[in-house]
Each structure stands twice: as C-alpha cells, then as structure tokens.
Amino acid sequence: MKVVLLKTVEKIGTAGEVVTVSDGYARNFLIAKGLACIAGQNDQQKWEEGKKREDQKNEEKIKESQDAKVLLEKTPLHFSVKTSKDGGVFSSVQEKDIVEKITQLLNQENPKNSLTQKELHIKTKPIKELGPHEIPIKIGPSQWATPATIHITIEAE
C-alpha cells in the first residue's frame, strides 16, 4: 500500500515522502498512530499545503522569539523579597516568578505576543541572594529555541 508519511518514521522514510509498505503495517500502525495517510493526489497536495502553513507559523515564532530576546536582554527585571533586619532573605525568586514577569513584559510591549509561558525555558535554582543576577533562558518552541541571557535584580522590600 502506498502511503504519504506525515512524520519521519525511522527506517521507513521522512515526512512528505510517498512510500510503499505492507497493508497491515499501514493500517494498524502508521495510519492508526497518525504517522501516515493513504497516498493519493489530494493527500499529497493537502500535506504540502499543511507543511507550508506550518513552516510559515514556525518562521513567525522564530522572529517573535528573536524580538523577545532583544527586548529581554536590554530590559532588566526587578524583584522585591522580604528580608530580615540583618539582611537575611525570607523567600526566594523561583523560575515561575521569572516566567510570569517575562510574560507580563512581553505582553506590555506587544499585545499580540503569542509566546506562552511553556515556550520560556529557564533552568535555575531558586535565587535567595540580593543583588544582580544573570540567568540563561531559551525563548520559543524547544526545537527552535533562541538562547538569551536575562538580567535580574533582587532587592529588599
């Protein structure tokens, strides 16, 4: 049976390729898992149109990620935490706090921003020290994430 692969399948072919496989493998695995559809003139055209739309969306996400990188690298983020009289910090600034602040900043600068909190990848331990910090971040979908470094200042309330 001839099928059009919707996704790359190891040892079979790459996405968009028309391949011939056994009927059972096509029906029970490839088509059932959404990895392929039966090859036909219209299916190939539909796949190509879908691929073009997906590529266009990906290009928009990449551009938006790069714009966000420029904004975040030039704009420092400020956080206030409760401290004791002798300078000890009672709480910390965590990844979720940083992501929320970044999302607010991006939405203020561009109300049509489509980057979600899931597309902001930060791997850092909770910050429990006052002063400036640099945090590495990846912006955008994980396969095309744009690396950046953000500047954070933690101050006493």
N, C-alpha and C. Protein backbone atom coordinates (compact mmCIF):
# COMPACT_ATOMS: atom_id res chain seq x y z
N MET A 1 0.85 -1.17 0.00
CA MET A 1 0.00 0.00 0.00
C MET A 1 0.90 1.24 0.00
N LYS A 2 0.54 2.22 -0.80
CA LYS A 2 1.30 3.47 -0.84
C LYS A 2 0.69 4.44 0.16
N VAL A 3 1.59 5.02 0.98
CA VAL A 3 1.15 5.99 1.97
C VAL A 3 2.06 7.22 1.90
N VAL A 4 1.52 8.35 2.34
CA VAL A 4 2.29 9.58 2.47
C VAL A 4 2.62 9.72 3.95
N LEU A 5 3.90 9.79 4.27
CA LEU A 5 4.32 9.94 5.67
C LEU A 5 4.08 11.36 6.14
N LEU A 6 3.37 11.50 7.24
CA LEU A 6 3.09 12.81 7.82
C LEU A 6 4.21 13.24 8.76
N LYS A 7 4.91 12.25 9.32
CA LYS A 7 6.05 12.49 10.19
C LYS A 7 7.16 11.54 9.78
N THR A 8 8.38 11.86 10.12
CA THR A 8 9.50 10.99 9.81
C THR A 8 9.40 9.71 10.63
N VAL A 9 9.52 8.56 9.97
CA VAL A 9 9.48 7.26 10.63
C VAL A 9 10.81 6.57 10.37
N GLU A 10 11.47 6.18 11.45
CA GLU A 10 12.79 5.56 11.35
C GLU A 10 12.72 4.30 10.48
N LYS A 11 13.65 4.15 9.58
CA LYS A 11 13.83 3.03 8.66
C LYS A 11 12.75 2.94 7.58
N ILE A 12 11.81 3.90 7.56
CA ILE A 12 10.77 3.91 6.53
C ILE A 12 10.95 5.09 5.60
N GLY A 13 11.03 6.31 6.15
CA GLY A 13 11.20 7.49 5.32
C GLY A 13 10.99 8.77 6.11
N THR A 14 11.09 9.88 5.39
CA THR A 14 10.93 11.19 6.02
C THR A 14 9.55 11.75 5.74
N ALA A 15 9.17 12.76 6.48
CA ALA A 15 7.86 13.39 6.33
C ALA A 15 7.68 13.90 4.91
N GLY A 16 6.51 13.64 4.32
CA GLY A 16 6.19 14.09 2.98
C GLY A 16 6.54 13.09 1.90
N GLU A 17 7.25 12.07 2.25
CA GLU A 17 7.69 11.07 1.28
C GLU A 17 6.57 10.03 1.04
N VAL A 18 6.42 9.59 -0.21
CA VAL A 18 5.47 8.53 -0.54
C VAL A 18 6.24 7.22 -0.52
N VAL A 19 5.80 6.29 0.34
CA VAL A 19 6.48 5.01 0.48
C VAL A 19 5.48 3.87 0.32
N THR A 20 5.99 2.69 -0.04
CA THR A 20 5.17 1.50 -0.15
C THR A 20 5.48 0.59 1.03
N VAL A 21 4.44 0.27 1.79
CA VAL A 21 4.57 -0.62 2.94
C VAL A 21 3.47 -1.66 2.88
N SER A 22 3.56 -2.70 3.71
CA SER A 22 2.52 -3.73 3.72
C SER A 22 1.20 -3.12 4.20
N ASP A 23 0.11 -3.70 3.76
CA ASP A 23 -1.21 -3.19 4.10
C ASP A 23 -1.44 -3.17 5.62
N GLY A 24 -1.08 -4.26 6.28
CA GLY A 24 -1.28 -4.35 7.72
C GLY A 24 -0.48 -3.30 8.49
N TYR A 25 0.78 -3.11 8.10
CA TYR A 25 1.62 -2.12 8.77
C TYR A 25 1.05 -0.72 8.56
N ALA A 26 0.56 -0.47 7.36
CA ALA A 26 -0.01 0.85 7.06
C ALA A 26 -1.26 1.10 7.89
N ARG A 27 -2.20 0.15 7.87
CA ARG A 27 -3.48 0.36 8.56
C ARG A 27 -3.35 0.30 10.09
N ASN A 28 -2.62 -0.71 10.57
CA ASN A 28 -2.58 -0.96 12.01
C ASN A 28 -1.58 -0.09 12.77
N PHE A 29 -0.57 0.42 12.09
CA PHE A 29 0.41 1.21 12.81
C PHE A 29 0.51 2.64 12.29
N LEU A 30 0.90 2.80 11.03
CA LEU A 30 1.18 4.14 10.51
C LEU A 30 -0.06 5.03 10.52
N ILE A 31 -1.15 4.56 9.96
CA ILE A 31 -2.38 5.37 9.89
C ILE A 31 -3.00 5.50 11.27
N ALA A 32 -3.02 4.42 12.04
CA ALA A 32 -3.61 4.44 13.38
C ALA A 32 -2.90 5.42 14.31
N LYS A 33 -1.59 5.54 14.18
CA LYS A 33 -0.80 6.44 15.03
C LYS A 33 -0.72 7.86 14.46
N GLY A 34 -1.30 8.10 13.31
CA GLY A 34 -1.27 9.43 12.71
C GLY A 34 0.07 9.75 12.07
N LEU A 35 0.84 8.72 11.72
CA LEU A 35 2.14 8.94 11.10
C LEU A 35 2.06 9.00 9.59
N ALA A 36 0.94 8.52 9.02
CA ALA A 36 0.82 8.48 7.56
C ALA A 36 -0.65 8.52 7.17
N CYS A 37 -0.90 8.80 5.88
CA CYS A 37 -2.24 8.69 5.31
C CYS A 37 -2.11 8.01 3.95
N ILE A 38 -3.18 7.44 3.47
CA ILE A 38 -3.14 6.72 2.20
C ILE A 38 -2.78 7.70 1.10
N ALA A 39 -1.86 7.27 0.25
CA ALA A 39 -1.36 8.15 -0.82
C ALA A 39 -2.42 8.34 -1.89
N GLY A 40 -2.59 9.56 -2.28
CA GLY A 40 -3.48 9.95 -3.36
C GLY A 40 -3.09 11.34 -3.80
N GLN A 41 -3.57 11.76 -4.94
CA GLN A 41 -3.21 13.08 -5.46
C GLN A 41 -3.57 14.18 -4.45
N ASN A 42 -4.79 14.10 -3.91
CA ASN A 42 -5.26 15.14 -2.99
C ASN A 42 -4.51 15.10 -1.66
N ASP A 43 -4.18 13.91 -1.17
CA ASP A 43 -3.49 13.79 0.10
C ASP A 43 -2.11 14.44 0.03
N GLN A 44 -1.41 14.22 -1.06
CA GLN A 44 -0.08 14.81 -1.22
C GLN A 44 -0.19 16.34 -1.24
N GLN A 45 -1.18 16.86 -1.95
CA GLN A 45 -1.37 18.31 -2.02
C GLN A 45 -1.75 18.88 -0.65
N LYS A 46 -2.64 18.18 0.07
CA LYS A 46 -3.04 18.64 1.40
C LYS A 46 -1.84 18.67 2.34
N TRP A 47 -1.00 17.64 2.25
CA TRP A 47 0.18 17.60 3.10
C TRP A 47 1.10 18.78 2.79
N GLU A 48 1.32 19.05 1.50
CA GLU A 48 2.20 20.15 1.11
C GLU A 48 1.64 21.49 1.59
N GLU A 49 0.32 21.69 1.48
CA GLU A 49 -0.29 22.93 1.95
C GLU A 49 -0.15 23.07 3.46
N GLY A 50 -0.40 21.98 4.17
CA GLY A 50 -0.25 21.99 5.62
C GLY A 50 1.18 22.27 6.03
N LYS A 51 2.13 21.71 5.31
CA LYS A 51 3.55 21.92 5.59
C LYS A 51 3.92 23.39 5.38
N LYS A 52 3.39 24.00 4.31
CA LYS A 52 3.67 25.43 4.06
C LYS A 52 3.12 26.29 5.20
N ARG A 53 1.89 26.00 5.64
CA ARG A 53 1.30 26.76 6.75
C ARG A 53 2.11 26.59 8.03
N GLU A 54 2.53 25.36 8.28
CA GLU A 54 3.33 25.08 9.48
C GLU A 54 4.67 25.80 9.42
N ASP A 55 5.32 25.79 8.25
CA ASP A 55 6.59 26.48 8.09
C ASP A 55 6.43 27.98 8.31
N GLN A 56 5.33 28.54 7.81
CA GLN A 56 5.07 29.97 7.98
C GLN A 56 4.87 30.31 9.47
N LYS A 57 4.12 29.46 10.19
CA LYS A 57 3.92 29.68 11.62
C LYS A 57 5.25 29.58 12.37
N ASN A 58 6.08 28.61 11.98
CA ASN A 58 7.38 28.44 12.63
C ASN A 58 8.27 29.66 12.40
N GLU A 59 8.25 30.20 11.19
CA GLU A 59 9.04 31.39 10.90
C GLU A 59 8.57 32.57 11.76
N GLU A 60 7.25 32.70 11.94
CA GLU A 60 6.71 33.78 12.77
C GLU A 60 7.15 33.60 14.23
N LYS A 61 7.12 32.35 14.72
CA LYS A 61 7.54 32.08 16.10
C LYS A 61 9.02 32.40 16.28
N ILE A 62 9.85 32.03 15.29
CA ILE A 62 11.28 32.30 15.37
C ILE A 62 11.53 33.80 15.41
N LYS A 63 10.84 34.55 14.55
CA LYS A 63 11.01 36.01 14.54
C LYS A 63 10.55 36.61 15.86
N GLU A 64 9.43 36.12 16.37
CA GLU A 64 8.92 36.63 17.64
C GLU A 64 9.89 36.30 18.79
N SER A 65 10.50 35.12 18.74
CA SER A 65 11.48 34.72 19.76
C SER A 65 12.71 35.63 19.71
N GLN A 66 13.15 35.96 18.51
CA GLN A 66 14.32 36.83 18.37
C GLN A 66 14.00 38.25 18.84
N ASP A 67 12.80 38.72 18.55
CA ASP A 67 12.40 40.05 19.03
C ASP A 67 12.33 40.07 20.56
N ALA A 68 11.80 38.99 21.14
CA ALA A 68 11.72 38.89 22.60
C ALA A 68 13.11 38.84 23.21
N LYS A 69 14.05 38.17 22.54
CA LYS A 69 15.43 38.10 23.04
C LYS A 69 16.02 39.50 23.14
N VAL A 70 15.86 40.29 22.10
CA VAL A 70 16.41 41.65 22.09
C VAL A 70 15.81 42.47 23.24
N LEU A 71 14.50 42.37 23.42
CA LEU A 71 13.83 43.11 24.48
C LEU A 71 14.31 42.67 25.86
N LEU A 72 14.38 41.36 26.08
CA LEU A 72 14.74 40.84 27.40
C LEU A 72 16.20 41.11 27.76
N GLU A 73 17.08 41.12 26.77
CA GLU A 73 18.48 41.36 27.07
C GLU A 73 18.76 42.83 27.41
N LYS A 74 17.91 43.74 26.93
CA LYS A 74 18.15 45.15 27.24
C LYS A 74 17.32 45.65 28.43
N THR A 75 16.32 44.87 28.86
CA THR A 75 15.44 45.29 29.95
C THR A 75 15.69 44.44 31.19
N PRO A 76 16.25 45.01 32.26
CA PRO A 76 16.44 44.23 33.48
C PRO A 76 15.11 44.03 34.21
N LEU A 77 14.98 42.90 34.89
CA LEU A 77 13.79 42.61 35.67
C LEU A 77 14.10 42.84 37.15
N HIS A 78 13.16 43.42 37.86
CA HIS A 78 13.37 43.73 39.28
C HIS A 78 12.37 42.94 40.12
N PHE A 79 12.87 42.34 41.19
CA PHE A 79 12.03 41.59 42.12
C PHE A 79 12.29 42.10 43.53
N SER A 80 11.25 42.15 44.34
CA SER A 80 11.38 42.54 45.75
C SER A 80 11.06 41.33 46.61
N VAL A 81 11.91 41.08 47.61
CA VAL A 81 11.69 39.97 48.53
C VAL A 81 11.76 40.48 49.96
N LYS A 82 11.11 39.78 50.85
CA LYS A 82 11.14 40.15 52.25
C LYS A 82 12.47 39.72 52.86
N THR A 83 13.02 40.62 53.67
CA THR A 83 14.31 40.33 54.31
C THR A 83 14.22 40.65 55.80
N SER A 84 15.13 40.07 56.54
CA SER A 84 15.21 40.37 57.97
C SER A 84 16.03 41.64 58.18
N LYS A 85 16.12 42.11 59.41
CA LYS A 85 16.87 43.33 59.71
C LYS A 85 18.36 43.17 59.42
N ASP A 86 18.86 41.95 59.58
CA ASP A 86 20.28 41.73 59.35
C ASP A 86 20.59 41.31 57.90
N GLY A 87 19.61 41.38 57.00
CA GLY A 87 19.85 41.14 55.57
C GLY A 87 19.56 39.73 55.09
N GLY A 88 19.06 38.87 55.98
CA GLY A 88 18.70 37.51 55.56
C GLY A 88 17.43 37.52 54.72
N VAL A 89 17.39 36.71 53.69
CA VAL A 89 16.24 36.66 52.78
C VAL A 89 15.25 35.61 53.27
N PHE A 90 13.97 35.98 53.40
CA PHE A 90 12.95 35.05 53.85
C PHE A 90 12.38 34.19 52.72
N SER A 91 12.35 34.73 51.54
CA SER A 91 11.78 33.98 50.41
C SER A 91 12.79 33.98 49.27
N SER A 92 12.42 33.34 48.17
CA SER A 92 13.32 33.28 47.02
C SER A 92 12.55 33.62 45.75
N VAL A 93 13.30 33.91 44.70
CA VAL A 93 12.71 34.14 43.38
C VAL A 93 12.88 32.84 42.61
N GLN A 94 11.76 32.27 42.17
CA GLN A 94 11.78 30.98 41.51
C GLN A 94 11.53 31.13 40.01
N GLU A 95 11.71 30.02 39.30
CA GLU A 95 11.52 30.02 37.84
C GLU A 95 10.15 30.57 37.46
N LYS A 96 9.10 30.12 38.15
CA LYS A 96 7.74 30.56 37.78
C LYS A 96 7.56 32.06 37.96
N ASP A 97 8.22 32.65 38.98
CA ASP A 97 8.15 34.10 39.18
C ASP A 97 8.80 34.83 38.00
N ILE A 98 9.94 34.33 37.58
CA ILE A 98 10.66 34.95 36.46
C ILE A 98 9.84 34.84 35.18
N VAL A 99 9.27 33.66 34.93
CA VAL A 99 8.47 33.44 33.72
C VAL A 99 7.25 34.35 33.70
N GLU A 100 6.58 34.52 34.85
CA GLU A 100 5.41 35.40 34.91
C GLU A 100 5.81 36.85 34.61
N LYS A 101 6.93 37.28 35.17
CA LYS A 101 7.39 38.66 34.94
C LYS A 101 7.74 38.87 33.46
N ILE A 102 8.40 37.88 32.86
CA ILE A 102 8.76 37.97 31.44
C ILE A 102 7.50 38.03 30.58
N THR A 103 6.53 37.19 30.89
CA THR A 103 5.28 37.18 30.12
C THR A 103 4.57 38.52 30.20
N GLN A 104 4.52 39.11 31.40
CA GLN A 104 3.92 40.44 31.56
C GLN A 104 4.65 41.48 30.71
N LEU A 105 5.97 41.45 30.74
CA LEU A 105 6.77 42.41 29.98
C LEU A 105 6.53 42.25 28.48
N LEU A 106 6.54 41.01 28.00
CA LEU A 106 6.33 40.78 26.56
C LEU A 106 4.94 41.21 26.12
N ASN A 107 3.93 40.96 26.96
CA ASN A 107 2.56 41.36 26.61
C ASN A 107 2.37 42.88 26.67
N GLN A 108 3.12 43.57 27.53
CA GLN A 108 3.06 45.04 27.57
C GLN A 108 3.66 45.63 26.30
N GLU A 109 4.79 45.10 25.88
CA GLU A 109 5.48 45.62 24.70
C GLU A 109 4.75 45.28 23.41
N ASN A 110 4.17 44.08 23.35
CA ASN A 110 3.48 43.64 22.14
C ASN A 110 2.22 42.88 22.55
N PRO A 111 1.05 43.56 22.54
CA PRO A 111 -0.19 42.90 22.95
C PRO A 111 -0.54 41.67 22.09
N LYS A 112 0.00 41.59 20.88
CA LYS A 112 -0.28 40.45 20.00
C LYS A 112 0.74 39.33 20.20
N ASN A 113 1.51 39.41 21.26
CA ASN A 113 2.53 38.40 21.56
C ASN A 113 1.88 37.02 21.68
N SER A 114 2.43 36.03 20.97
CA SER A 114 1.85 34.68 21.03
C SER A 114 2.75 33.70 21.76
N LEU A 115 3.86 34.19 22.34
CA LEU A 115 4.70 33.30 23.14
C LEU A 115 4.00 32.97 24.44
N THR A 116 3.96 31.70 24.77
CA THR A 116 3.30 31.27 26.00
C THR A 116 4.34 31.00 27.08
N GLN A 117 3.88 30.82 28.30
CA GLN A 117 4.79 30.55 29.39
C GLN A 117 5.51 29.21 29.18
N LYS A 118 4.89 28.29 28.47
CA LYS A 118 5.51 27.00 28.19
C LYS A 118 6.67 27.14 27.21
N GLU A 119 6.72 28.23 26.48
CA GLU A 119 7.79 28.45 25.50
C GLU A 119 8.95 29.27 26.06
N LEU A 120 8.92 29.52 27.35
CA LEU A 120 10.03 30.19 28.03
C LEU A 120 10.71 29.15 28.91
N HIS A 121 11.89 28.73 28.52
CA HIS A 121 12.59 27.63 29.20
C HIS A 121 13.71 28.18 30.06
N ILE A 122 13.51 28.08 31.39
CA ILE A 122 14.52 28.55 32.34
C ILE A 122 14.88 27.37 33.24
N LYS A 123 16.16 27.16 33.40
CA LYS A 123 16.64 26.12 34.32
C LYS A 123 17.56 26.80 35.33
N THR A 124 17.01 27.13 36.48
CA THR A 124 17.79 27.76 37.53
C THR A 124 17.25 27.34 38.88
N LYS A 125 18.11 27.35 39.86
CA LYS A 125 17.68 27.08 41.23
C LYS A 125 17.04 28.35 41.77
N PRO A 126 16.19 28.22 42.79
CA PRO A 126 15.63 29.42 43.41
C PRO A 126 16.73 30.36 43.88
N ILE A 127 16.56 31.64 43.60
CA ILE A 127 17.58 32.65 43.93
C ILE A 127 17.25 33.23 45.29
N LYS A 128 18.19 33.11 46.23
CA LYS A 128 17.97 33.55 47.61
C LYS A 128 18.93 34.65 48.03
N GLU A 129 19.57 35.29 47.07
CA GLU A 129 20.55 36.34 47.38
C GLU A 129 20.12 37.66 46.76
N LEU A 130 20.35 38.73 47.48
CA LEU A 130 20.06 40.06 46.95
C LEU A 130 21.11 40.45 45.93
N GLY A 131 20.75 41.36 45.03
CA GLY A 131 21.71 41.87 44.06
C GLY A 131 21.41 41.43 42.64
N PRO A 132 22.31 41.76 41.72
CA PRO A 132 22.10 41.43 40.30
C PRO A 132 22.47 39.97 40.01
N HIS A 133 21.74 39.38 39.07
CA HIS A 133 21.98 38.01 38.64
C HIS A 133 21.76 37.93 37.13
N GLU A 134 22.50 37.04 36.47
CA GLU A 134 22.29 36.75 35.05
C GLU A 134 21.76 35.33 34.93
N ILE A 135 20.68 35.17 34.19
CA ILE A 135 20.01 33.88 34.06
C ILE A 135 19.95 33.50 32.58
N PRO A 136 20.43 32.31 32.21
CA PRO A 136 20.26 31.86 30.82
C PRO A 136 18.82 31.40 30.59
N ILE A 137 18.31 31.68 29.42
CA ILE A 137 16.93 31.33 29.08
C ILE A 137 16.87 30.94 27.61
N LYS A 138 15.91 30.10 27.27
CA LYS A 138 15.64 29.77 25.87
C LYS A 138 14.21 30.20 25.58
N ILE A 139 14.05 30.93 24.49
CA ILE A 139 12.76 31.52 24.15
C ILE A 139 12.23 30.87 22.89
N GLY A 140 10.98 30.39 22.93
CA GLY A 140 10.35 29.83 21.76
C GLY A 140 10.17 28.32 21.88
N PRO A 141 9.56 27.72 20.85
CA PRO A 141 9.37 26.27 20.84
C PRO A 141 10.72 25.57 20.97
N SER A 142 10.76 24.46 21.67
CA SER A 142 12.03 23.84 22.02
C SER A 142 12.91 23.49 20.83
N GLN A 143 12.34 23.13 19.68
CA GLN A 143 13.19 22.77 18.53
C GLN A 143 13.84 23.98 17.89
N TRP A 144 13.31 25.19 18.09
CA TRP A 144 13.90 26.40 17.51
C TRP A 144 14.14 27.45 18.58
N ALA A 145 14.38 27.04 19.80
CA ALA A 145 14.52 27.99 20.90
C ALA A 145 15.72 28.92 20.67
N THR A 146 15.48 30.19 20.95
CA THR A 146 16.51 31.22 20.82
C THR A 146 17.14 31.43 22.20
N PRO A 147 18.45 31.17 22.35
CA PRO A 147 19.08 31.37 23.67
C PRO A 147 19.28 32.86 23.96
N ALA A 148 19.15 33.21 25.22
CA ALA A 148 19.35 34.60 25.65
C ALA A 148 19.81 34.60 27.11
N THR A 149 20.26 35.74 27.56
CA THR A 149 20.63 35.92 28.95
C THR A 149 19.85 37.12 29.49
N ILE A 150 19.10 36.89 30.57
CA ILE A 150 18.33 37.99 31.16
C ILE A 150 19.02 38.45 32.42
N HIS A 151 18.80 39.73 32.74
CA HIS A 151 19.42 40.34 33.92
C HIS A 151 18.32 40.58 34.95
N ILE A 152 18.57 40.07 36.13
CA ILE A 152 17.59 40.16 37.22
C ILE A 152 18.24 40.87 38.40
N THR A 153 17.49 41.76 39.03
CA THR A 153 17.96 42.41 40.24
C THR A 153 16.98 42.10 41.35
N ILE A 154 17.49 41.57 42.43
CA ILE A 154 16.65 41.24 43.58
C ILE A 154 16.96 42.25 44.67
N GLU A 155 15.87 42.90 45.16
CA GLU A 155 16.00 43.97 46.13
C GLU A 155 15.18 43.64 47.38
N ALA A 156 15.53 44.25 48.49
CA ALA A 156 14.78 44.10 49.72
C ALA A 156 13.54 44.98 49.68
N GLU A 157 12.46 44.49 50.26
CA GLU A 157 11.21 45.29 50.31
C GLU A 157 11.33 46.42 51.29
